[in-house]
Amino acid sequence: MTLQERIAILTELGDFLQKDTDDAALNAVIERSYIENKWFTPENTRRALQSIAEHMLQRHLLEQWVAQYAIKDQLHPEKTVGIVMAGNLPLVGFYDWLCVFLAGYRAKVKLSEKDRLLLPFLVNLLGEWSHETREYTIFCAEHEPLKGFDAVIATGSNNTARYFEQYFAKYPHIIRRNRNGIAVLDGTETAEDFLALGNDIFAYFGLGCRNVSKMYVPRGYDFSPLLEVLHDAYNDLANHDKYRNNFDYNTTLWLLNSRHYLNNGCVILLEDVSLASRIATVHYEYYDDLSVLAQDLAQKADEIQCIVGKVAMSGISVLPFGQSQSPGLSDAPDGVDVMAFLVD
């Protein structure tokens, strides 16, 4: 397939995901994914699919993006790239597969057991539309080790990343570790800002590396308006069994450990220096000077996936509230340009 043919088939997939929301086969795989993994609610899976369709599978976006790279217009894949995918969010590994496909290589994919149905469904769909796409993706069997590749992209926890570094040491590789989304508040936020921030916190139950797990607030900050808005808009989260179990467990944990916390029934706010927080918990930390905070965040860049807020911070990119879980083609995970890695 030529590059333009690959772009065309991806655009067709984007159109399908946006228009054929009542497709019986798609709805069936969404439901099966939920049965296997209760974090993958149909609502969250459809949200992921729509985000991919809107921000990654539009022809003009794809053409503008690939124009930055010297992609060879080869008709058949000459190299195989191994991909070890995470499973914390529906289709969280789609971006890596997309990059490999557009680069004209074959993806050999090791799926997470938590997300083993969605990507194969989409790849099979492409195969039905265009048989040529079938040679571009191979899925490892459930217990099959990943082997027979020329380069690898692997995503995991900090612990598994150390294993990946050793296991894949002799191959060109991208190894991803834990990262976190953070928010910087300055006290001028409106109810609309809080509502959008709630999306950054609660989308996909807060399980993504782009979800806000830590807030920096000015000293003396009043959390009451924020907690009130979040309660009114997101209290239904407490009806989800797995989220509620984590919420109750962590509330008990902080109580038994005599930790001061704030609780509005759907989220726990805990003062803590760590960027990573437990499910249903968001850490916060006070700051006195934005310029000093900017320096501190710059030193923690390797731990941060994205920052949301209304403030301007020298040398640091800040997304508007509500935008953390809408990454586009140029929003490379961990700031590593996957396409540049593949075509270099």
Foldseek 3Di string as FASTA:
>chain_A
DFLVVLLVLLLVLLVCLVPVVVDPVLVVLQVVLCVQAVLSHSVLLSVVSNLCSVFPNHSVQVVVVCVVFDQDGDQAAPFEEEEEDDQLGAPPVVLLLSLQVSSRHAYEYEYDSSHDRDVVVSQVVSCVVPVSSVRRYHYAPNPGDDDDGQEYEYEDEPVVLVVVCVVCVVHHYHYYYAAAEAEEEEQPDDLVQLLLLLLLAQRSLNRDRLRQQEYEYAPPHDCVSSLVSNCVPPLCVCVRVVLVVQVVVVVVVCVVVVFDWDDNNQAIEGADPDRHDTGRYHYYYHDHDLQVVLVVVVVVLQRHLAYEYDDDYPPHDHHHRNCSPNDHSCSDGSNDNSNVSVRD
